[in-house]
């Protein structure tokens, strides 16, 4: 049960950060948009590196969390967060540039 709470907390925290980044993406210029998107991808990777490191430290201290063989559940959460980031950036691109493109 504690693992489910930890996973939900991670997803909630990542969702809040994603929402703040989404709002920021809608207000910046093109060059800053690209830099923030790259930073967002790097942030996602390092967020999960930190989580895996914290899991290893807790395990060395005798606190065991069952995330499956080879931390499979954490990898699945990482995949969900990568998908959330992709959808977030795609929606930001659509919302930012939907009225600016003129066809014909």
Protein backbone atom coordinates (compact mmCIF):
# COMPACT_ATOMS: atom_id res chain seq x y z
CA UNK A 1 0.00 0.00 0.00
CA UNK A 2 2.82 2.43 0.77
CA UNK A 3 4.18 1.90 -2.74
CA UNK A 4 0.88 2.99 -4.27
CA UNK A 5 0.91 6.17 -2.17
CA UNK A 6 4.49 6.87 -3.24
CA UNK A 7 3.65 6.34 -6.92
CA UNK A 8 0.57 8.58 -6.68
CA UNK A 9 2.65 11.24 -4.93
CA UNK A 10 5.27 11.08 -7.70
CA UNK A 11 2.62 11.38 -10.41
CA UNK A 12 0.90 14.25 -8.60
CA UNK A 13 4.16 16.12 -8.12
CA UNK A 14 5.13 15.58 -11.75
CA UNK A 15 1.66 16.66 -12.87
CA UNK A 16 1.91 19.91 -10.91
CA UNK A 17 5.34 20.65 -12.33
CA UNK A 18 4.04 19.83 -15.82
CA UNK A 19 1.14 22.23 -15.36
CA UNK A 20 3.50 25.05 -14.34
CA UNK A 21 5.76 24.31 -17.30
CA UNK A 22 2.73 24.26 -19.62
CA UNK A 23 1.67 27.71 -18.43
CA UNK A 24 5.22 28.96 -18.92
CA UNK A 25 5.42 27.50 -22.44
CA UNK A 26 2.37 29.47 -23.50
CA UNK A 27 3.97 32.79 -22.50
CA UNK A 28 7.49 32.59 -23.93
CA UNK A 29 9.05 33.23 -27.33
CA UNK A 30 10.10 30.49 -29.73
CA UNK A 31 13.76 30.21 -28.67
CA UNK A 32 12.80 30.07 -24.98
CA UNK A 33 10.10 27.51 -25.85
CA UNK A 34 12.74 25.19 -27.29
CA UNK A 35 15.11 25.67 -24.34
CA UNK A 36 12.32 25.01 -21.83
CA UNK A 37 11.23 21.86 -23.70
CA UNK A 38 14.80 20.53 -23.59
CA UNK A 39 15.04 21.44 -19.90
CA UNK A 40 11.72 19.70 -19.29
CA UNK A 41 13.06 16.48 -20.84
CA UNK A 42 16.24 16.71 -18.78
CA UNK A 43 14.22 17.44 -15.62
CA UNK A 44 12.11 14.34 -16.23
CA UNK A 45 15.18 12.15 -16.63
CA UNK A 46 16.93 13.51 -13.53
CA UNK A 47 13.72 13.33 -11.49
CA UNK A 48 13.62 9.58 -12.05
CA UNK A 49 17.36 9.22 -11.51
CA UNK A 50 16.78 10.85 -8.12
CA UNK A 51 13.88 8.50 -7.37
CA UNK A 52 15.91 5.40 -8.27
CA UNK A 53 18.83 6.69 -6.16
CA UNK A 54 16.50 7.36 -3.20
CA UNK A 55 15.08 3.85 -3.56
CA UNK A 56 18.58 2.37 -3.46
CA UNK A 57 19.51 4.44 -0.39
CA UNK A 58 16.35 3.38 1.41
CA UNK A 59 17.08 -0.25 0.54
CA UNK A 60 20.61 0.05 1.95
CA UNK A 61 19.13 1.48 5.18
CA UNK A 62 16.78 -1.51 5.52
CA UNK A 63 13.59 0.16 4.24
CA UNK A 64 12.21 -2.05 1.50
CA UNK A 65 9.69 -0.90 -1.10
CA UNK A 66 8.24 -3.42 -3.54
CA UNK A 67 8.33 -1.85 -6.99
CA UNK A 68 8.61 -5.17 -8.77
CA UNK A 69 11.52 -7.00 -10.26
CA UNK A 70 14.17 -4.51 -11.47
CA UNK A 71 11.92 -1.63 -10.32
CA UNK A 72 9.52 -2.32 -13.18
CA UNK A 73 6.74 -0.20 -11.66
CA UNK A 74 9.08 2.80 -11.45
CA UNK A 75 9.99 2.31 -15.11
CA UNK A 76 6.29 2.22 -15.99
CA UNK A 77 5.72 5.46 -14.08
CA UNK A 78 8.70 6.94 -15.94
CA UNK A 79 7.05 5.95 -19.22
CA UNK A 80 3.79 7.56 -18.13
CA UNK A 81 5.63 10.77 -17.26
CA UNK A 82 7.45 10.79 -20.62
CA UNK A 83 4.05 10.41 -22.31
CA UNK A 84 2.63 13.21 -20.16
CA UNK A 85 5.54 15.46 -21.14
CA UNK A 86 5.07 14.71 -24.84
CA UNK A 87 1.34 15.41 -24.67
CA UNK A 88 1.96 18.55 -22.60
CA UNK A 89 4.41 19.99 -25.14
CA UNK A 90 2.16 18.97 -28.06
CA UNK A 91 -0.84 20.72 -26.51
CA UNK A 92 1.28 23.80 -25.78
CA UNK A 93 2.42 23.94 -29.41
CA UNK A 94 -1.15 23.57 -30.65
CA UNK A 95 -2.55 26.21 -28.28
CA UNK A 96 0.29 28.65 -28.90
CA UNK A 97 0.31 28.50 -32.69
CA UNK A 98 -3.24 27.48 -33.71
CA UNK A 99 -4.33 30.99 -34.65
CA UNK A 100 -1.05 32.09 -36.24
CA UNK A 101 -0.94 29.59 -39.10
CA UNK A 102 -2.83 30.81 -42.16
CA UNK A 103 -3.56 28.27 -44.87
CA UNK A 104 -3.99 29.42 -48.44
